[in-house]
Amino acid sequence: MPGRPLSMRPEWEDAVRDGRKTIDARLVADDIDGLKVGESVHYPGARLRVRRIRYYAGFGDLLAYEDWRRIAPDAASSEEVRQRLEHGHEATVHATGAVAIELETANDASH
């Protein structure tokens, strides 16, 4: 089974494929409903496994606890990552919250 398909911003696809992006920070939305630790997920060109899932009130809270370099390894600062994550979602994130999905390679995933 290929795993649950999840979308990703095109500018982060290379970083997830080569293993530099190991946390997917996103809005809490239907595409992750029921997502479980150990489940395989499929991004464009990469199949990974969910190692941990952590929920936050918003991206500011998420970035206070998560290493921004694992979310956007090519960014210059935590503030730049926050701005990228919130762009176009400023109102929505306050209603839904944010989630950090920690990822690991899934070469031997059976889920």
N, C-alpha and C. Protein backbone atom coordinates (compact mmCIF):
# COMPACT_ATOMS: atom_id res chain seq x y z
N MET A 1 0.85 -1.18 0.00
CA MET A 1 0.00 0.00 0.00
C MET A 1 0.89 1.24 0.00
N PRO A 2 0.59 2.25 -0.82
CA PRO A 2 1.47 3.40 -0.96
C PRO A 2 1.44 4.35 0.24
N GLY A 3 0.50 4.26 1.11
CA GLY A 3 0.41 5.20 2.22
C GLY A 3 -0.58 6.30 1.93
N ARG A 4 -0.91 7.03 2.97
CA ARG A 4 -1.85 8.15 2.83
C ARG A 4 -1.19 9.27 2.05
N PRO A 5 -1.81 9.71 0.97
CA PRO A 5 -1.22 10.82 0.21
C PRO A 5 -1.43 12.15 0.93
N LEU A 6 -0.36 12.93 1.04
CA LEU A 6 -0.43 14.27 1.61
C LEU A 6 0.27 15.22 0.66
N SER A 7 -0.27 16.41 0.54
CA SER A 7 0.35 17.41 -0.33
C SER A 7 1.45 18.14 0.44
N MET A 8 2.30 18.81 -0.31
CA MET A 8 3.38 19.58 0.28
C MET A 8 3.70 20.73 -0.65
N ARG A 9 4.12 21.83 -0.06
CA ARG A 9 4.52 22.97 -0.88
C ARG A 9 5.69 22.56 -1.77
N PRO A 10 5.63 22.91 -3.04
CA PRO A 10 6.69 22.50 -3.97
C PRO A 10 8.10 22.87 -3.51
N GLU A 11 8.25 24.00 -2.83
CA GLU A 11 9.60 24.42 -2.41
C GLU A 11 10.17 23.52 -1.31
N TRP A 12 9.37 22.65 -0.71
CA TRP A 12 9.85 21.76 0.35
C TRP A 12 9.97 20.31 -0.12
N GLU A 13 9.59 20.01 -1.34
CA GLU A 13 9.60 18.63 -1.82
C GLU A 13 11.02 18.04 -1.85
N ASP A 14 12.00 18.79 -2.33
CA ASP A 14 13.37 18.27 -2.36
C ASP A 14 13.89 17.97 -0.96
N ALA A 15 13.59 18.85 -0.01
CA ALA A 15 14.07 18.67 1.36
C ALA A 15 13.46 17.44 2.01
N VAL A 16 12.20 17.13 1.70
CA VAL A 16 11.60 15.92 2.28
C VAL A 16 12.14 14.68 1.59
N ARG A 17 12.38 14.76 0.29
CA ARG A 17 12.92 13.61 -0.45
C ARG A 17 14.32 13.24 0.00
N ASP A 18 15.15 14.25 0.29
CA ASP A 18 16.53 13.93 0.68
C ASP A 18 16.72 13.83 2.20
N GLY A 19 15.62 13.87 2.95
CA GLY A 19 15.68 13.61 4.39
C GLY A 19 16.04 14.78 5.27
N ARG A 20 16.13 15.98 4.71
CA ARG A 20 16.44 17.17 5.53
C ARG A 20 15.21 17.72 6.23
N LYS A 21 14.05 17.56 5.64
CA LYS A 21 12.79 18.00 6.24
C LYS A 21 12.17 16.79 6.93
N THR A 22 12.20 16.79 8.26
CA THR A 22 11.70 15.64 9.01
C THR A 22 10.48 15.96 9.86
N ILE A 23 10.00 17.20 9.77
CA ILE A 23 8.75 17.58 10.43
C ILE A 23 7.87 18.29 9.41
N ASP A 24 6.67 17.80 9.25
CA ASP A 24 5.67 18.44 8.39
C ASP A 24 4.76 19.24 9.31
N ALA A 25 4.85 20.56 9.24
CA ALA A 25 4.00 21.45 10.02
C ALA A 25 2.87 21.91 9.11
N ARG A 26 1.64 21.74 9.58
CA ARG A 26 0.49 22.10 8.75
C ARG A 26 -0.70 22.43 9.63
N LEU A 27 -1.74 22.95 8.99
CA LEU A 27 -3.01 23.17 9.67
C LEU A 27 -3.64 21.84 10.02
N VAL A 28 -4.37 21.81 11.10
CA VAL A 28 -5.18 20.63 11.42
C VAL A 28 -6.35 20.68 10.44
N ALA A 29 -6.45 19.66 9.59
CA ALA A 29 -7.47 19.64 8.55
C ALA A 29 -7.88 18.20 8.26
N ASP A 30 -8.88 18.04 7.41
CA ASP A 30 -9.42 16.71 7.09
C ASP A 30 -8.38 15.75 6.53
N ASP A 31 -7.35 16.27 5.83
CA ASP A 31 -6.38 15.36 5.21
C ASP A 31 -5.56 14.57 6.22
N ILE A 32 -5.53 15.02 7.48
CA ILE A 32 -4.81 14.26 8.50
C ILE A 32 -5.74 13.64 9.54
N ASP A 33 -7.04 13.73 9.31
CA ASP A 33 -8.00 13.16 10.25
C ASP A 33 -7.73 11.66 10.43
N GLY A 34 -7.55 11.25 11.67
CA GLY A 34 -7.31 9.84 11.96
C GLY A 34 -5.89 9.38 11.73
N LEU A 35 -4.98 10.28 11.37
CA LEU A 35 -3.58 9.91 11.14
C LEU A 35 -3.00 9.35 12.44
N LYS A 36 -2.26 8.25 12.33
CA LYS A 36 -1.72 7.58 13.50
C LYS A 36 -0.21 7.39 13.41
N VAL A 37 0.42 7.34 14.57
CA VAL A 37 1.84 7.03 14.65
C VAL A 37 2.05 5.65 14.02
N GLY A 38 3.07 5.53 13.19
CA GLY A 38 3.37 4.29 12.50
C GLY A 38 2.77 4.19 11.11
N GLU A 39 1.82 5.05 10.80
CA GLU A 39 1.17 5.04 9.49
C GLU A 39 2.13 5.55 8.42
N SER A 40 2.06 4.98 7.23
CA SER A 40 2.84 5.46 6.10
C SER A 40 2.12 6.63 5.45
N VAL A 41 2.91 7.62 5.05
CA VAL A 41 2.37 8.76 4.32
C VAL A 41 3.19 8.92 3.04
N HIS A 42 2.53 9.41 2.02
CA HIS A 42 3.18 9.56 0.72
C HIS A 42 3.10 11.02 0.29
N TYR A 43 4.27 11.62 0.14
CA TYR A 43 4.41 12.98 -0.40
C TYR A 43 4.92 12.84 -1.82
N PRO A 44 4.87 13.89 -2.62
CA PRO A 44 5.42 13.79 -3.97
C PRO A 44 6.88 13.29 -3.94
N GLY A 45 7.08 12.09 -4.42
CA GLY A 45 8.43 11.53 -4.50
C GLY A 45 9.00 10.95 -3.23
N ALA A 46 8.22 10.86 -2.16
CA ALA A 46 8.75 10.35 -0.89
C ALA A 46 7.68 9.58 -0.12
N ARG A 47 8.08 8.44 0.40
CA ARG A 47 7.20 7.65 1.26
C ARG A 47 7.86 7.59 2.63
N LEU A 48 7.13 8.03 3.64
CA LEU A 48 7.67 8.14 4.98
C LEU A 48 6.70 7.52 5.98
N ARG A 49 7.16 7.42 7.21
CA ARG A 49 6.31 6.90 8.28
C ARG A 49 6.16 7.97 9.36
N VAL A 50 5.00 8.03 9.96
CA VAL A 50 4.73 8.97 11.04
C VAL A 50 5.40 8.45 12.31
N ARG A 51 6.32 9.24 12.85
CA ARG A 51 7.01 8.86 14.09
C ARG A 51 6.31 9.42 15.32
N ARG A 52 5.88 10.69 15.23
CA ARG A 52 5.16 11.35 16.32
C ARG A 52 4.20 12.38 15.72
N ILE A 53 3.16 12.70 16.48
CA ILE A 53 2.21 13.74 16.08
C ILE A 53 2.00 14.63 17.30
N ARG A 54 2.18 15.96 17.12
CA ARG A 54 2.00 16.90 18.22
C ARG A 54 1.12 18.05 17.74
N TYR A 55 0.11 18.38 18.54
CA TYR A 55 -0.85 19.43 18.19
C TYR A 55 -0.57 20.70 18.98
N TYR A 56 -0.82 21.85 18.33
CA TYR A 56 -0.57 23.16 18.92
C TYR A 56 -1.73 24.10 18.58
N ALA A 57 -1.86 25.17 19.36
CA ALA A 57 -2.91 26.17 19.11
C ALA A 57 -2.66 26.93 17.82
N GLY A 58 -1.42 27.10 17.43
CA GLY A 58 -1.09 27.82 16.21
C GLY A 58 0.37 27.60 15.85
N PHE A 59 0.81 28.21 14.75
CA PHE A 59 2.18 28.02 14.29
C PHE A 59 3.20 28.66 15.23
N GLY A 60 2.84 29.76 15.88
CA GLY A 60 3.75 30.37 16.85
C GLY A 60 4.06 29.42 17.99
N ASP A 61 3.02 28.76 18.52
CA ASP A 61 3.21 27.78 19.59
C ASP A 61 4.03 26.60 19.08
N LEU A 62 3.72 26.13 17.89
CA LEU A 62 4.43 25.01 17.30
C LEU A 62 5.93 25.33 17.21
N LEU A 63 6.25 26.51 16.71
CA LEU A 63 7.65 26.88 16.53
C LEU A 63 8.37 27.16 17.84
N ALA A 64 7.63 27.39 18.92
CA ALA A 64 8.26 27.56 20.23
C ALA A 64 8.82 26.24 20.75
N TYR A 65 8.29 25.12 20.25
CA TYR A 65 8.70 23.80 20.73
C TYR A 65 9.42 22.94 19.69
N GLU A 66 9.14 23.17 18.43
CA GLU A 66 9.72 22.36 17.36
C GLU A 66 10.93 23.06 16.76
N ASP A 67 11.89 22.29 16.28
CA ASP A 67 13.08 22.84 15.64
C ASP A 67 12.72 23.27 14.22
N TRP A 68 12.72 24.57 13.99
CA TRP A 68 12.31 25.11 12.69
C TRP A 68 13.18 24.59 11.56
N ARG A 69 14.43 24.21 11.83
CA ARG A 69 15.32 23.69 10.79
C ARG A 69 14.85 22.34 10.27
N ARG A 70 14.09 21.62 11.07
CA ARG A 70 13.55 20.33 10.64
C ARG A 70 12.26 20.51 9.84
N ILE A 71 11.68 21.71 9.89
CA ILE A 71 10.46 22.03 9.15
C ILE A 71 10.79 22.64 7.80
N ALA A 72 11.71 23.59 7.80
CA ALA A 72 12.11 24.28 6.57
C ALA A 72 13.63 24.47 6.61
N PRO A 73 14.39 23.42 6.26
CA PRO A 73 15.84 23.46 6.41
C PRO A 73 16.55 24.54 5.59
N ASP A 74 15.91 25.07 4.59
CA ASP A 74 16.53 26.11 3.76
C ASP A 74 16.17 27.52 4.22
N ALA A 75 15.37 27.64 5.26
CA ALA A 75 14.98 28.96 5.78
C ALA A 75 16.12 29.57 6.58
N ALA A 76 16.07 30.88 6.76
CA ALA A 76 17.11 31.60 7.49
C ALA A 76 16.79 31.75 8.98
N SER A 77 15.51 31.64 9.35
CA SER A 77 15.14 31.87 10.75
C SER A 77 13.78 31.25 11.06
N SER A 78 13.50 31.15 12.34
CA SER A 78 12.20 30.68 12.80
C SER A 78 11.08 31.61 12.33
N GLU A 79 11.36 32.90 12.35
CA GLU A 79 10.36 33.89 11.91
C GLU A 79 10.02 33.70 10.43
N GLU A 80 11.02 33.43 9.62
CA GLU A 80 10.76 33.18 8.20
C GLU A 80 9.86 31.95 8.03
N VAL A 81 10.11 30.91 8.81
CA VAL A 81 9.30 29.69 8.74
C VAL A 81 7.86 30.01 9.15
N ARG A 82 7.69 30.77 10.24
CA ARG A 82 6.34 31.14 10.70
C ARG A 82 5.59 31.89 9.60
N GLN A 83 6.27 32.85 8.97
CA GLN A 83 5.63 33.63 7.91
C GLN A 83 5.24 32.74 6.74
N ARG A 84 6.10 31.80 6.37
CA ARG A 84 5.77 30.87 5.27
C ARG A 84 4.56 30.02 5.63
N LEU A 85 4.56 29.49 6.85
CA LEU A 85 3.46 28.62 7.27
C LEU A 85 2.13 29.37 7.36
N GLU A 86 2.17 30.58 7.87
CA GLU A 86 0.93 31.35 8.07
C GLU A 86 0.42 32.02 6.80
N HIS A 87 1.28 32.20 5.80
CA HIS A 87 0.88 32.92 4.58
C HIS A 87 -0.40 32.30 3.99
N GLY A 88 -1.45 33.09 3.96
CA GLY A 88 -2.72 32.66 3.41
C GLY A 88 -3.58 31.88 4.40
N HIS A 89 -3.06 31.62 5.60
CA HIS A 89 -3.79 30.83 6.59
C HIS A 89 -3.94 31.56 7.92
N GLU A 90 -3.69 32.84 7.95
CA GLU A 90 -3.68 33.59 9.21
C GLU A 90 -4.96 33.39 10.02
N ALA A 91 -6.10 33.49 9.39
CA ALA A 91 -7.38 33.34 10.11
C ALA A 91 -7.70 31.88 10.39
N THR A 92 -7.41 31.02 9.46
CA THR A 92 -7.75 29.61 9.58
C THR A 92 -7.02 28.92 10.72
N VAL A 93 -5.73 29.22 10.90
CA VAL A 93 -4.94 28.51 11.91
C VAL A 93 -5.49 28.75 13.31
N HIS A 94 -6.08 29.91 13.54
CA HIS A 94 -6.65 30.18 14.87
C HIS A 94 -7.90 29.36 15.12
N ALA A 95 -8.59 28.98 14.08
CA ALA A 95 -9.80 28.17 14.23
C ALA A 95 -9.49 26.68 14.29
N THR A 96 -8.44 26.24 13.61
CA THR A 96 -8.17 24.80 13.52
C THR A 96 -7.00 24.34 14.36
N GLY A 97 -6.00 25.20 14.56
CA GLY A 97 -4.77 24.80 15.21
C GLY A 97 -3.76 24.29 14.20
N ALA A 98 -2.60 23.92 14.71
CA ALA A 98 -1.51 23.44 13.87
C ALA A 98 -1.04 22.09 14.39
N VAL A 99 -0.39 21.35 13.52
CA VAL A 99 0.12 20.03 13.89
C VAL A 99 1.54 19.87 13.36
N ALA A 100 2.38 19.22 14.16
CA ALA A 100 3.73 18.85 13.73
C ALA A 100 3.74 17.34 13.58
N ILE A 101 3.97 16.89 12.36
CA ILE A 101 4.03 15.46 12.08
C ILE A 101 5.51 15.11 11.88
N GLU A 102 6.08 14.41 12.87
CA GLU A 102 7.48 14.02 12.78
C GLU A 102 7.56 12.78 11.91
N LEU A 103 8.50 12.79 10.96
CA LEU A 103 8.59 11.75 9.94
C LEU A 103 9.90 10.99 10.03
N GLU A 104 9.87 9.73 9.56
CA GLU A 104 11.07 8.91 9.43
C GLU A 104 10.95 8.10 8.16
N THR A 105 12.07 7.56 7.68
CA THR A 105 12.03 6.77 6.46
C THR A 105 11.11 5.57 6.65
N ALA A 106 10.49 5.17 5.57
CA ALA A 106 9.51 4.08 5.63
C ALA A 106 9.86 2.98 4.65
N ASN A 107 11.12 2.75 4.42
CA ASN A 107 11.53 1.74 3.44
C ASN A 107 10.96 0.37 3.75
N ASP A 108 10.81 0.06 5.04
CA ASP A 108 10.29 -1.25 5.42
C ASP A 108 8.89 -1.17 5.99
N ALA A 109 8.18 -0.06 5.72
CA ALA A 109 6.84 0.12 6.27
C ALA A 109 5.88 -0.90 5.71
N SER A 110 5.07 -1.43 6.57
CA SER A 110 4.06 -2.40 6.12
C SER A 110 2.66 -1.85 6.24
N HIS A 111 2.53 -0.57 6.63
CA HIS A 111 1.22 0.05 6.81
C HIS A 111 0.76 0.68 5.53
